[in-house]
Amino acid sequence: MINASQQDVDRSIDYQVWDLSGLELRGPRPDVTKPYVAALGAAPTFGLFTEQPYVNLVATRLGLQALNLGVAGAGPSFFMKRPDLVRAANGAEWAVVELFSGSSVANSRFDLGRNHAHLIDRQNPDAGPVGADVGYQHLIDEMSTSDLVTLRAEIRQRYIAEMSALLQQITVPTVLVRFARRASKGQEGTETLASYWGGYPHFVDQGVIDALRLRADAYLELSTPVGPTPSGEREASETTEPSGTGEPTPSHMPGQNISQASAEMHREVAEGLIALAPGKERARRICQKPVLVHAHIFKNAGSSFDLSLQRSFGASWRSFDPQETRDTVTEDYVRELVSADPTIRAFSSHQLRFPLFDDDNVRFFPVVFLRHPILRAVSIYDFERKPGRQALRTPHSIKAGELDLADYIEWCLSAPNGRSPVSNFQTLYCCLTSNSPQRGAPLSQLHLAEAVEHLDRAHVGIVEDFNRSANILTRSLSPAFPELNVEPVVVNASPGVRTLETAAERLGNDTFRKLVAANELDLYLYARYARLLAARGSVDGA
C-alpha cells in the first residue's frame, strides 16, 4: 500500500500508521469528534525520519488534534480522486496544503502511476512505471529544446489547474505551504534535470505561486537548505527496485528532492503556521456560512443554472434584480440578506457585481458562466426579437425589431466608449471599476486584469461546454453544498448561430471584423477560462 513502505525504510520511529478508506496514514490517529488541523501533502508532510512532523507540532501548540494526510509521491489529483480524504480535511478547523512537486502532474507525455512519483510514458506504456527523475532525464536526452520548453509550460498550466481545483474543494481555511531550497544560482534551462525541473517543488516557479497563493487564505514559504536527516543521519534508499506497492520506490537525487525534510525544517514550518493559524484568534472560517452566489450574465445560460439552483436548494435559493438596470447588487446586500434570513444558501442576480469578500460570518462561492462574445452577440439579437422581448419595448428590443443583424450590431457598437451589451461586456461585468466613478471610461487592460483577478477566485463555467461545466461545478462545489446538482440541460436558449463561420455569414465580413475588434478583452477572457475548464475536465475525466 502507498505509505506502507515508509515504515519499512525507518524502523527506529513508530509512525503509528493507521488505515483510512484503504490508505495508510501517519498517526497518531486523531479523534475527529474533537477539533483538529489537517495537512495535505506528499513526503515532506508525512515526515519520514522525523519524530514530530509539522502538523503534530502545530496541533500540540494550539491544543488541537492532528490529521496527517501526507502521502509519499502524492500530487493534487491524488486527493481529488479520493473524496473521502477531502471530506476529512473539510472536517478540520483549518487545513495546510503543501505545494506538491510538479512532476506529480500528468501531461501529454507522461501518465501517472499508482504512486504519483512514478510516471508511465504514453509513447511506451508497456515499459511500466519509472521514477520521475528517470523519466524526465530520458526526455532531456531525446527531445528538442523547443519541445522541452513547451512541455514545461504545459506542466505548469496543468499544475495550476489541478492545484486550483483541489483548493476549491477544500472549504475550510487553507494555508498553502512551500517547502523550498534556497534559490539556486543556476538559470532555468533544458540541459540538465536540475535546470529543467528547478528546485523543489519541481516546476513550481514564481508565476505558478502567484497564480495559486490567492486561492488560499494564507501562504507560507520555507526557504532553507535541507539539513541532515534524523535517526542517525541516514538517507532513504536510492534504489528503483520494486517495492510492496508493485512499483519502483522513488529514487532520490541529491539536490533535487527534499522528501526527507529535517526536524529543523518541520519546526520552522510549524512556527510559521502557528503565526498564521486561523485558530490562534479563534476566528475560524469553519464557522462561516457558505453562500453560493451566481453572477448571472445576460444570455450566458444563467437561466439554466438558476433552474438547477432552484431545484437543488428550493426555498433556500433567492433571485433578485433591482428595478433600475443601472443599480447593482453588492456583497453588502447579499450579506445583509443572508443575515436577515439564515436559511438562504444560494443567491442569483443579473446585476450582482464583484468584488465579493468574505467576512467572519459569510464565505462566498461565486459562480460565473462565460460565453464566446461573438456567439453571445448574435444570441442577444435573436433573443431581443422574440415576442416577449418585443412587448417590453426596451431600446434594444425596439432596434432588434427594426434592424437586421448587421445593422443592429453596428448600432450597438456606436454606443459611447464602446459600452454596449455586445462589446467586452463580460469583462465589464466582472471588473471592479464597472462600479467606479470611471464607469463610463473605455475599457482597458486594467479592467481585464481586475476581471481575471475576480474570476480566478470564482467557479467559472463555459456556455459552449455546458455539460462538462455542470459536472465540474457539481463536483467542486459539493463539499460546501452537498445538495447541489447542476443539471446538464440548457433552457431558454435561442436557436440559430452556433459557429463562428455561421456568425460571419450572417454579419457580413465588415461587421464581423468590427465585432471581433470590439471584443478583444472578452475574447481573451473566454479563451483563458475555456482552456482552464478543458484542462480541469481532462484531469477529472469530465
Protein backbone atom coordinates (compact mmCIF):
# COMPACT_ATOMS: atom_id res chain seq x y z
CA MET A 1 0.00 0.00 0.00
CA ILE A 2 1.08 3.60 -0.57
CA ASN A 3 2.86 4.90 2.55
CA ALA A 4 3.37 1.36 3.86
CA SER A 5 6.99 1.37 2.68
CA GLN A 6 7.76 4.47 4.75
CA GLN A 7 7.69 2.43 7.95
CA ASP A 8 9.88 -0.20 6.28
CA VAL A 9 12.52 2.41 5.41
CA ASP A 10 12.84 3.61 9.01
CA ARG A 11 12.23 1.15 11.85
CA SER A 12 13.60 3.43 14.58
CA ILE A 13 10.45 5.59 14.64
CA ASP A 14 6.96 4.25 15.17
CA TYR A 15 4.89 6.18 12.62
CA GLN A 16 1.69 4.79 14.19
CA VAL A 17 0.35 4.05 10.73
CA TRP A 18 -3.43 3.66 10.57
CA ASP A 19 -5.96 3.00 7.83
CA LEU A 20 -8.44 5.43 6.31
CA SER A 21 -10.51 4.01 3.44
CA GLY A 22 -7.72 1.62 2.48
CA LEU A 23 -4.98 4.25 2.66
CA GLU A 24 -2.29 4.06 5.33
CA LEU A 25 -1.72 7.41 7.04
CA ARG A 26 0.79 8.55 9.60
CA GLY A 27 -0.58 8.70 13.12
CA PRO A 28 -1.42 9.08 15.79
CA ARG A 29 -4.99 8.60 14.66
CA PRO A 30 -6.96 11.71 15.63
CA ASP A 31 -10.26 11.77 17.46
CA VAL A 32 -12.27 13.59 14.78
CA THR A 33 -15.06 14.33 17.27
CA LYS A 34 -12.66 16.92 18.68
CA PRO A 35 -11.23 19.98 16.85
CA TYR A 36 -8.30 19.11 14.60
CA VAL A 37 -5.99 20.60 11.98
CA ALA A 38 -5.36 18.71 8.74
CA ALA A 39 -2.32 18.71 6.46
CA LEU A 40 -2.46 17.52 2.85
CA GLY A 41 0.84 16.86 1.14
CA ALA A 42 3.48 14.44 -0.05
CA ALA A 43 6.55 13.03 1.68
CA PRO A 44 7.57 16.32 3.39
CA THR A 45 4.19 16.41 5.12
CA PHE A 46 4.37 12.72 6.07
CA GLY A 47 7.71 13.45 7.77
CA LEU A 48 9.95 10.47 7.11
CA PHE A 49 12.83 10.27 9.64
CA THR A 50 11.08 12.92 11.76
CA GLU A 51 9.73 12.23 15.24
CA GLN A 52 7.28 15.16 15.13
CA PRO A 53 6.13 16.39 11.69
CA TYR A 54 4.98 19.99 11.47
CA VAL A 55 1.25 19.27 11.68
CA ASN A 56 1.74 17.49 15.02
CA LEU A 57 3.82 20.36 16.36
CA VAL A 58 1.15 22.87 15.31
CA ALA A 59 -1.67 20.82 16.80
CA THR A 60 0.12 20.40 20.13
CA ARG A 61 0.80 24.14 20.45
CA LEU A 62 -2.80 25.08 19.58
CA GLY A 63 -4.48 22.39 21.64
CA LEU A 64 -5.87 20.54 18.62
CA GLN A 65 -5.77 17.05 17.16
CA ALA A 66 -3.61 16.43 14.06
CA LEU A 67 -4.71 14.69 10.87
CA ASN A 68 -1.64 13.96 8.74
CA LEU A 69 -2.74 13.38 5.15
CA GLY A 70 0.81 13.31 3.83
CA VAL A 71 1.21 10.56 1.23
CA ALA A 72 4.58 9.75 -0.33
CA GLY A 73 4.55 10.62 -4.04
CA ALA A 74 1.14 12.29 -3.96
CA GLY A 75 0.09 15.13 -6.23
CA PRO A 76 -3.08 17.24 -6.29
CA SER A 77 -5.06 14.75 -8.40
CA PHE A 78 -4.29 12.04 -5.84
CA PHE A 79 -6.54 13.84 -3.38
CA MET A 80 -9.16 14.94 -5.89
CA LYS A 81 -9.71 11.30 -6.81
CA ARG A 82 -10.26 10.46 -3.13
CA PRO A 83 -13.26 12.47 -1.89
CA ASP A 84 -13.03 10.74 1.49
CA LEU A 85 -9.70 12.48 2.11
CA VAL A 86 -11.13 15.85 1.06
CA ARG A 87 -14.11 15.30 3.38
CA ALA A 88 -11.73 14.51 6.22
CA ALA A 89 -9.82 17.74 5.51
CA ASN A 90 -13.08 19.70 5.43
CA GLY A 91 -13.93 18.44 8.89
CA ALA A 92 -10.88 20.23 10.29
CA GLU A 93 -10.74 23.66 11.87
CA TRP A 94 -8.35 24.59 9.06
CA ALA A 95 -6.06 22.82 6.63
CA VAL A 96 -2.49 23.07 5.40
CA VAL A 97 -1.91 22.26 1.73
CA GLU A 98 1.64 21.54 0.59
CA LEU A 99 2.79 22.71 -2.83
CA PHE A 100 3.49 19.33 -4.41
CA SER A 101 6.18 18.62 -6.94
CA GLY A 102 5.02 19.41 -10.46
CA SER A 103 6.39 16.05 -11.54
CA SER A 104 3.34 14.51 -9.85
CA VAL A 105 1.07 16.01 -12.55
CA ALA A 106 0.16 14.10 -15.69
CA ASN A 107 0.82 15.72 -19.06
CA SER A 108 0.78 14.97 -22.77
CA ARG A 109 3.91 12.81 -22.47
CA PHE A 110 3.51 11.11 -19.06
CA ASP A 111 0.63 9.47 -17.27
CA LEU A 112 0.81 8.82 -13.53
CA GLY A 113 1.45 5.51 -11.87
CA ARG A 114 -0.41 4.39 -8.76
CA ASN A 115 2.19 6.29 -6.80
CA HIS A 116 2.29 9.73 -8.41
CA ALA A 117 6.08 9.88 -8.02
CA HIS A 118 6.20 7.32 -10.82
CA LEU A 119 5.42 8.00 -14.44
CA ILE A 120 4.26 5.98 -17.42
CA ASP A 121 5.50 7.10 -20.82
CA ARG A 122 2.43 7.48 -23.03
CA GLN A 123 4.59 6.62 -26.05
CA ASN A 124 5.80 3.40 -24.45
CA PRO A 125 3.24 2.33 -21.82
CA ASP A 126 4.34 -1.31 -21.84
CA ALA A 127 7.68 -0.30 -20.33
CA GLY A 128 5.95 0.22 -17.00
CA PRO A 129 6.39 2.98 -14.42
CA VAL A 130 9.72 4.69 -13.80
CA GLY A 131 10.84 7.26 -11.25
CA ALA A 132 10.08 10.82 -12.26
CA ASP A 133 13.77 11.70 -12.36
CA VAL A 134 14.49 8.80 -14.72
CA GLY A 135 11.54 9.63 -16.98
CA TYR A 136 12.38 13.30 -17.33
CA GLN A 137 16.06 12.59 -17.87
CA HIS A 138 15.06 10.44 -20.85
CA LEU A 139 13.09 13.37 -22.24
CA ILE A 140 16.04 15.73 -21.85
CA ASP A 141 18.18 13.26 -23.75
CA GLU A 142 15.75 12.82 -26.66
CA MET A 143 13.59 15.93 -27.09
CA SER A 144 14.40 19.24 -28.74
CA THR A 145 14.81 22.39 -26.67
CA SER A 146 11.60 23.91 -28.03
CA ASP A 147 9.62 20.76 -27.24
CA LEU A 148 11.03 20.64 -23.71
CA VAL A 149 10.15 24.28 -23.10
CA THR A 150 6.64 23.73 -24.47
CA LEU A 151 6.14 20.68 -22.26
CA ARG A 152 7.31 22.60 -19.19
CA ALA A 153 4.77 25.35 -19.90
CA GLU A 154 2.06 22.71 -20.29
CA ILE A 155 3.04 21.06 -17.00
CA ARG A 156 2.82 24.38 -15.17
CA GLN A 157 -0.60 25.15 -16.61
CA ARG A 158 -1.89 21.70 -15.68
CA TYR A 159 -0.37 22.06 -12.22
CA ILE A 160 -2.16 25.38 -11.70
CA ALA A 161 -5.44 23.85 -12.86
CA GLU A 162 -5.12 20.81 -10.59
CA MET A 163 -4.00 22.76 -7.52
CA SER A 164 -6.76 25.31 -8.08
CA ALA A 165 -9.32 22.52 -8.30
CA LEU A 166 -8.06 20.96 -5.09
CA LEU A 167 -8.07 24.26 -3.22
CA GLN A 168 -11.63 24.90 -4.41
CA GLN A 169 -12.74 21.58 -2.95
CA ILE A 170 -11.37 22.48 0.48
CA THR A 171 -13.99 24.63 2.16
CA VAL A 172 -12.23 25.31 5.47
CA PRO A 173 -9.50 27.95 5.80
CA THR A 174 -6.33 26.92 3.98
CA VAL A 175 -2.66 27.79 4.35
CA LEU A 176 -0.58 26.99 1.27
CA VAL A 177 2.95 25.89 2.21
CA ARG A 178 6.04 25.61 0.04
CA PHE A 179 8.97 23.52 1.21
CA ALA A 180 11.82 25.01 -0.83
CA ARG A 181 15.55 25.08 -1.06
CA ARG A 182 17.27 28.43 -1.07
CA ALA A 183 17.23 29.97 -4.51
CA SER A 184 19.75 28.32 -6.81
CA LYS A 185 22.20 30.44 -8.76
CA GLY A 186 21.60 28.32 -11.83
CA GLN A 187 19.33 29.60 -14.58
CA GLU A 188 16.28 27.77 -15.79
CA GLY A 189 17.24 25.64 -18.75
CA THR A 190 16.88 22.30 -20.51
CA GLU A 191 20.43 20.96 -20.44
CA THR A 192 20.21 19.14 -17.09
CA LEU A 193 17.47 17.72 -14.94
CA ALA A 194 18.24 20.28 -12.22
CA SER A 195 17.83 23.22 -14.60
CA TYR A 196 14.72 21.73 -16.21
CA TRP A 197 12.90 20.90 -13.01
CA GLY A 198 14.16 23.76 -10.89
CA GLY A 199 14.40 23.39 -7.13
CA TYR A 200 11.82 21.55 -5.09
CA PRO A 201 8.87 21.63 -5.59
CA HIS A 202 9.79 20.88 -9.20
CA PHE A 203 8.35 23.07 -11.99
CA VAL A 204 6.84 25.46 -9.43
CA ASP A 205 8.23 28.88 -10.30
CA GLN A 206 7.16 32.30 -9.05
CA GLY A 207 4.50 32.60 -11.73
CA VAL A 208 2.87 29.37 -10.56
CA ILE A 209 2.99 30.55 -6.95
CA ASP A 210 1.44 33.91 -7.85
CA ALA A 211 -1.38 32.11 -9.65
CA LEU A 212 -2.15 29.92 -6.62
CA ARG A 213 -1.39 31.86 -3.46
CA LEU A 214 -4.56 33.97 -3.64
CA ARG A 215 -6.65 30.80 -3.83
CA ALA A 216 -5.67 30.04 -0.23
CA ASP A 217 -6.29 32.11 2.88
CA ALA A 218 -2.58 32.42 3.61
CA TYR A 219 0.77 31.46 2.09
CA LEU A 220 3.93 30.31 3.85
CA GLU A 221 7.28 29.61 2.23
CA LEU A 222 10.19 27.94 3.97
CA SER A 223 13.40 28.63 2.07
CA THR A 224 16.25 26.77 3.67
CA PRO A 225 18.89 24.21 2.84
CA VAL A 226 17.94 20.67 3.74
CA GLY A 227 19.59 19.64 6.95
CA PRO A 228 20.72 16.15 7.87
CA THR A 229 18.00 13.60 8.38
CA PRO A 230 17.36 12.44 11.93
CA SER A 231 17.72 8.86 13.10
CA GLY A 232 21.45 8.51 12.57
CA GLU A 233 21.55 10.83 9.54
CA ARG A 234 20.51 8.02 7.21
CA GLU A 235 19.40 8.59 3.67
CA ALA A 236 16.46 6.94 2.00
CA SER A 237 17.09 4.13 -0.42
CA GLU A 238 18.39 5.20 -3.81
CA THR A 239 17.21 2.01 -5.48
CA THR A 240 14.48 1.73 -8.00
CA GLU A 241 13.72 -1.88 -7.17
CA PRO A 242 10.06 -2.89 -6.89
CA SER A 243 8.51 -2.27 -3.50
CA GLY A 244 5.44 -3.64 -1.83
CA THR A 245 3.32 -1.31 -3.96
CA GLY A 246 4.20 -3.25 -7.09
CA GLU A 247 6.06 -0.20 -8.39
CA PRO A 248 9.60 1.07 -8.00
CA THR A 249 10.40 3.08 -4.93
CA PRO A 250 11.36 6.69 -5.60
CA SER A 251 14.96 7.41 -6.46
CA HIS A 252 16.30 10.40 -4.57
CA MET A 253 18.57 12.73 -6.48
CA PRO A 254 20.95 14.84 -4.41
CA GLY A 255 19.88 18.45 -4.65
CA GLN A 256 16.54 17.61 -6.22
CA ASN A 257 14.33 16.04 -3.55
CA ILE A 258 13.60 17.17 -0.02
CA SER A 259 11.17 14.43 0.90
CA GLN A 260 13.42 13.77 3.91
CA ALA A 261 12.91 17.24 5.41
CA SER A 262 14.90 17.68 8.60
CA ALA A 263 13.42 18.08 12.04
CA GLU A 264 14.60 21.70 11.94
CA MET A 265 12.59 22.32 8.78
CA HIS A 266 9.47 20.88 10.39
CA ARG A 267 9.95 23.12 13.42
CA GLU A 268 10.37 26.20 11.23
CA VAL A 269 7.25 25.39 9.22
CA ALA A 270 5.32 24.79 12.42
CA GLU A 271 6.34 28.17 13.83
CA GLY A 272 5.26 29.89 10.63
CA LEU A 273 1.91 28.11 10.62
CA ILE A 274 1.25 28.91 14.25
CA ALA A 275 1.75 32.60 13.46
CA LEU A 276 -0.77 32.34 10.61
CA ALA A 277 -3.18 29.90 12.21
CA PRO A 278 -6.84 30.93 11.96
CA GLY A 279 -7.36 29.10 15.23
CA LYS A 280 -4.92 31.32 17.06
CA GLU A 281 -7.52 34.08 17.37
CA ARG A 282 -10.38 31.57 17.24
CA ALA A 283 -11.62 33.36 14.11
CA ARG A 284 -12.04 30.05 12.34
CA ARG A 285 -13.60 30.19 8.95
CA ILE A 286 -15.30 26.87 9.57
CA CYS A 287 -17.92 28.91 11.42
CA GLN A 288 -18.67 30.90 8.30
CA LYS A 289 -21.87 30.26 6.41
CA PRO A 290 -21.18 29.17 2.81
CA VAL A 291 -23.32 31.03 0.26
CA LEU A 292 -23.30 30.22 -3.45
CA VAL A 293 -23.57 33.46 -5.41
CA HIS A 294 -24.47 33.30 -9.11
CA ALA A 295 -23.37 36.32 -11.13
CA HIS A 296 -25.99 35.94 -13.88
CA ILE A 297 -24.62 37.49 -17.07
CA PHE A 298 -27.36 38.16 -19.65
CA LYS A 299 -27.57 35.42 -22.33
CA ASN A 300 -24.91 33.25 -20.69
CA ALA A 301 -27.01 30.17 -19.80
CA GLY A 302 -27.84 31.74 -16.45
CA SER A 303 -31.46 30.61 -16.60
CA SER A 304 -30.31 27.02 -16.97
CA PHE A 305 -28.02 27.30 -13.96
CA ASP A 306 -30.72 29.08 -11.94
CA LEU A 307 -33.11 26.19 -12.65
CA SER A 308 -30.57 23.80 -11.11
CA LEU A 309 -30.17 26.11 -8.10
CA GLN A 310 -33.94 26.28 -7.64
CA ARG A 311 -34.30 22.50 -7.84
CA SER A 312 -31.30 21.87 -5.57
CA PHE A 313 -31.96 24.45 -2.85
CA GLY A 314 -35.72 25.04 -3.07
CA ALA A 315 -36.76 27.86 -0.77
CA SER A 316 -33.11 28.37 0.23
CA TRP A 317 -32.39 29.93 -3.20
CA ARG A 318 -33.14 33.58 -3.92
CA SER A 319 -33.04 35.65 -7.09
CA PHE A 320 -33.22 39.44 -7.14
CA ASP A 321 -32.67 42.26 -9.62
CA PRO A 322 -33.20 45.98 -8.88
CA GLN A 323 -35.84 47.76 -10.97
CA GLU A 324 -33.28 50.21 -12.32
CA THR A 325 -30.85 48.40 -14.60
CA ARG A 326 -28.01 50.74 -13.64
CA ASP A 327 -28.37 49.79 -9.98
CA THR A 328 -26.15 46.98 -8.78
CA VAL A 329 -26.27 44.27 -6.13
CA THR A 330 -23.17 44.29 -3.93
CA GLU A 331 -21.68 41.93 -1.38
CA ASP A 332 -23.16 44.09 1.39
CA TYR A 333 -26.66 43.50 0.06
CA VAL A 334 -26.15 39.74 -0.09
CA ARG A 335 -24.57 39.69 3.34
CA GLU A 336 -27.50 41.63 4.85
CA LEU A 337 -29.95 39.33 3.07
CA VAL A 338 -28.27 36.22 4.45
CA SER A 339 -28.10 37.75 7.91
CA ALA A 340 -31.82 38.52 7.83
CA ASP A 341 -32.72 35.04 6.53
CA PRO A 342 -30.25 32.35 7.67
CA THR A 343 -32.00 29.72 5.53
CA ILE A 344 -30.56 31.23 2.31
CA ARG A 345 -27.89 29.02 0.74
CA ALA A 346 -27.74 30.37 -2.81
CA PHE A 347 -28.42 33.71 -4.48
CA SER A 348 -28.62 34.90 -8.12
CA SER A 349 -28.73 38.31 -9.76
CA HIS A 350 -28.14 39.78 -13.22
CA GLN A 351 -26.84 42.91 -11.51
CA LEU A 352 -24.55 41.32 -8.98
CA ARG A 353 -21.10 42.88 -9.06
CA PHE A 354 -17.65 41.97 -7.78
CA PRO A 355 -15.72 42.07 -5.54
CA LEU A 356 -17.15 39.52 -3.12
CA PHE A 357 -15.11 39.49 0.08
CA ASP A 358 -15.73 37.05 2.90
CA ASP A 359 -16.17 38.13 6.49
CA ASP A 360 -16.33 36.29 9.82
CA ASN A 361 -19.89 35.14 9.16
CA VAL A 362 -20.19 34.51 5.40
CA ARG A 363 -18.00 32.79 2.83
CA PHE A 364 -18.95 33.46 -0.77
CA PHE A 365 -18.68 30.86 -3.54
CA PRO A 366 -19.09 32.91 -6.75
CA VAL A 367 -20.21 31.17 -9.95
CA VAL A 368 -19.98 32.82 -13.38
CA PHE A 369 -20.69 31.45 -16.85
CA LEU A 370 -18.77 32.92 -19.79
CA ARG A 371 -19.76 32.70 -23.45
CA HIS A 372 -17.92 33.28 -26.71
CA PRO A 373 -18.57 37.02 -27.21
CA ILE A 374 -19.37 36.79 -30.94
CA LEU A 375 -21.90 33.99 -30.50
CA ARG A 376 -23.30 35.82 -27.49
CA ALA A 377 -23.86 38.99 -29.55
CA VAL A 378 -25.84 37.10 -32.19
CA SER A 379 -27.84 35.34 -29.48
CA ILE A 380 -28.77 38.69 -27.92
CA TYR A 381 -30.16 39.91 -31.25
CA ASP A 382 -32.20 36.73 -31.78
CA PHE A 383 -33.47 36.89 -28.21
CA GLU A 384 -34.50 40.55 -28.41
CA ARG A 385 -36.64 39.74 -31.47
CA LYS A 386 -38.78 37.24 -29.57
CA PRO A 387 -42.41 38.34 -28.99
CA GLY A 388 -41.97 38.53 -25.22
CA ARG A 389 -38.98 40.85 -25.53
CA GLN A 390 -40.64 42.93 -28.25
CA ALA A 391 -43.56 43.57 -25.90
CA LEU A 392 -41.19 45.16 -23.37
CA ARG A 393 -40.30 47.95 -25.84
CA THR A 394 -36.81 48.49 -24.47
CA PRO A 395 -34.35 50.42 -26.67
CA HIS A 396 -32.57 47.20 -27.61
CA SER A 397 -35.72 45.21 -28.31
CA ILE A 398 -37.08 48.06 -30.46
CA LYS A 399 -33.89 48.26 -32.53
CA ALA A 400 -33.69 44.47 -32.86
CA GLY A 401 -37.22 44.51 -34.25
CA GLU A 402 -36.42 47.27 -36.72
CA LEU A 403 -32.96 46.26 -37.99
CA ASP A 404 -31.30 43.21 -39.46
CA LEU A 405 -28.46 41.57 -37.51
CA ALA A 406 -25.58 43.53 -39.06
CA ASP A 407 -27.27 46.91 -38.63
CA TYR A 408 -28.28 46.05 -35.07
CA ILE A 409 -24.68 45.18 -34.15
CA GLU A 410 -23.44 48.38 -35.85
CA TRP A 411 -25.99 50.34 -33.79
CA CYS A 412 -24.82 48.67 -30.58
CA LEU A 413 -21.17 49.36 -31.36
CA SER A 414 -21.93 53.05 -31.86
CA ALA A 415 -22.54 53.46 -28.11
CA PRO A 416 -20.12 55.92 -26.43
CA ASN A 417 -16.79 54.37 -25.44
CA GLY A 418 -17.94 51.03 -26.77
CA ARG A 419 -20.17 50.50 -23.74
CA SER A 420 -22.78 48.18 -25.21
CA PRO A 421 -24.03 44.68 -24.35
CA VAL A 422 -22.05 43.25 -27.29
CA SER A 423 -18.69 44.95 -26.67
CA ASN A 424 -16.41 43.45 -23.98
CA PHE A 425 -19.50 43.22 -21.79
CA GLN A 426 -18.33 40.17 -19.83
CA THR A 427 -15.10 41.92 -18.89
CA LEU A 428 -17.10 44.96 -17.82
CA TYR A 429 -19.43 42.82 -15.73
CA CYS A 430 -16.60 41.06 -13.91
CA CYS A 431 -14.30 44.01 -13.17
CA LEU A 432 -14.37 46.18 -10.09
CA THR A 433 -14.19 49.50 -11.91
CA SER A 434 -17.52 48.91 -13.63
CA ASN A 435 -18.96 50.44 -10.45
CA SER A 436 -16.38 53.20 -10.01
CA PRO A 437 -16.54 56.91 -10.90
CA GLN A 438 -14.76 55.92 -14.15
CA ARG A 439 -17.70 53.76 -15.13
CA GLY A 440 -18.12 55.47 -18.49
CA ALA A 441 -14.43 55.33 -19.43
CA PRO A 442 -13.27 52.99 -22.21
CA LEU A 443 -12.30 49.52 -21.06
CA SER A 444 -8.59 48.76 -20.92
CA GLN A 445 -6.14 46.07 -19.88
CA LEU A 446 -6.58 47.31 -16.31
CA HIS A 447 -10.24 46.30 -16.42
CA LEU A 448 -9.27 42.93 -17.87
CA ALA A 449 -6.74 42.35 -15.09
CA GLU A 450 -9.40 43.13 -12.48
CA ALA A 451 -11.86 40.77 -14.15
CA VAL A 452 -9.26 37.99 -14.17
CA GLU A 453 -8.47 38.60 -10.51
CA HIS A 454 -12.12 38.14 -9.57
CA LEU A 455 -12.76 35.19 -11.87
CA ASP A 456 -9.66 33.38 -10.63
CA ARG A 457 -11.36 33.23 -7.25
CA ALA A 458 -14.68 32.09 -8.69
CA HIS A 459 -16.08 28.91 -10.20
CA VAL A 460 -16.26 29.57 -13.93
CA GLY A 461 -18.39 27.62 -16.41
CA ILE A 462 -18.42 27.86 -20.20
CA VAL A 463 -21.72 28.05 -22.08
CA GLU A 464 -20.40 26.21 -25.13
CA ASP A 465 -19.15 23.44 -22.82
CA PHE A 466 -22.18 23.40 -20.57
CA ASN A 467 -22.34 19.67 -19.86
CA ARG A 468 -18.74 19.49 -18.68
CA SER A 469 -19.20 22.73 -16.73
CA ALA A 470 -22.24 21.24 -14.98
CA ASN A 471 -20.33 18.11 -13.96
CA ILE A 472 -17.31 20.02 -12.69
CA LEU A 473 -19.38 22.59 -10.80
CA THR A 474 -21.39 19.87 -9.09
CA ARG A 475 -18.25 18.05 -8.04
CA SER A 476 -16.15 21.05 -6.98
CA LEU A 477 -18.95 22.72 -5.00
CA SER A 478 -20.26 19.54 -3.36
CA PRO A 479 -18.06 19.80 -0.22
CA ALA A 480 -19.79 23.07 0.71
CA PHE A 481 -23.14 22.36 -0.97
CA PRO A 482 -23.79 18.59 -0.98
CA GLU A 483 -27.37 19.14 -2.15
CA LEU A 484 -26.25 20.87 -5.36
CA ASN A 485 -26.85 19.08 -8.66
CA VAL A 486 -26.11 21.19 -11.73
CA GLU A 487 -28.18 19.58 -14.46
CA PRO A 488 -26.56 19.46 -17.92
CA VAL A 489 -29.72 20.84 -19.54
CA VAL A 490 -29.91 24.23 -21.28
CA VAL A 491 -33.19 26.16 -21.06
CA ASN A 492 -34.31 29.47 -22.55
CA ALA A 493 -31.79 29.07 -25.39
CA SER A 494 -32.11 30.93 -28.66
CA PRO A 495 -31.81 28.65 -31.71
CA GLY A 496 -29.57 29.64 -34.57
CA VAL A 497 -25.88 30.52 -34.70
CA ARG A 498 -23.56 28.04 -33.02
CA THR A 499 -20.34 28.51 -35.02
CA LEU A 500 -18.18 31.50 -35.85
CA GLU A 501 -18.43 30.67 -39.55
CA THR A 502 -22.22 30.98 -39.44
CA ALA A 503 -21.96 34.20 -37.42
CA ALA A 504 -19.61 35.68 -40.02
CA GLU A 505 -22.02 34.78 -42.81
CA ARG A 506 -24.95 36.45 -41.03
CA LEU A 507 -22.99 39.53 -40.02
CA GLY A 508 -21.02 40.12 -43.18
CA ASN A 509 -17.24 40.47 -43.21
CA ASP A 510 -17.00 44.15 -42.27
CA THR A 511 -19.36 43.98 -39.28
CA PHE A 512 -17.88 40.66 -38.19
CA ARG A 513 -14.39 42.21 -38.08
CA LYS A 514 -15.67 45.23 -36.16
CA LEU A 515 -17.40 42.98 -33.62
CA VAL A 516 -14.27 40.91 -33.14
CA ALA A 517 -12.15 44.05 -32.64
CA ALA A 518 -14.67 45.39 -30.12
CA ASN A 519 -14.35 42.20 -28.04
CA GLU A 520 -10.60 41.85 -27.67
CA LEU A 521 -10.81 41.66 -23.88
CA ASP A 522 -13.77 39.29 -23.83
CA LEU A 523 -12.11 37.00 -26.35
CA TYR A 524 -9.08 36.70 -24.09
CA LEU A 525 -11.28 36.14 -21.04
CA TYR A 526 -13.27 33.43 -22.81
CA ALA A 527 -10.18 31.65 -24.17
CA ARG A 528 -8.48 31.69 -20.78
CA TYR A 529 -11.31 30.05 -18.86
CA ALA A 530 -12.35 27.70 -21.67
CA ARG A 531 -8.77 26.40 -21.66
CA LEU A 532 -8.75 26.04 -17.87
CA LEU A 533 -12.07 24.21 -17.95
CA ALA A 534 -10.81 21.81 -20.61
CA ALA A 535 -7.66 21.13 -18.58
CA ARG A 536 -9.75 20.59 -15.47
CA GLY A 537 -12.02 18.22 -17.38
CA SER A 538 -9.08 16.17 -18.64
CA VAL A 539 -7.83 15.84 -15.06
CA ASP A 540 -11.22 14.91 -13.63
CA GLY A 541 -12.31 12.79 -16.59
CA ALA A 542 -15.31 15.08 -17.10
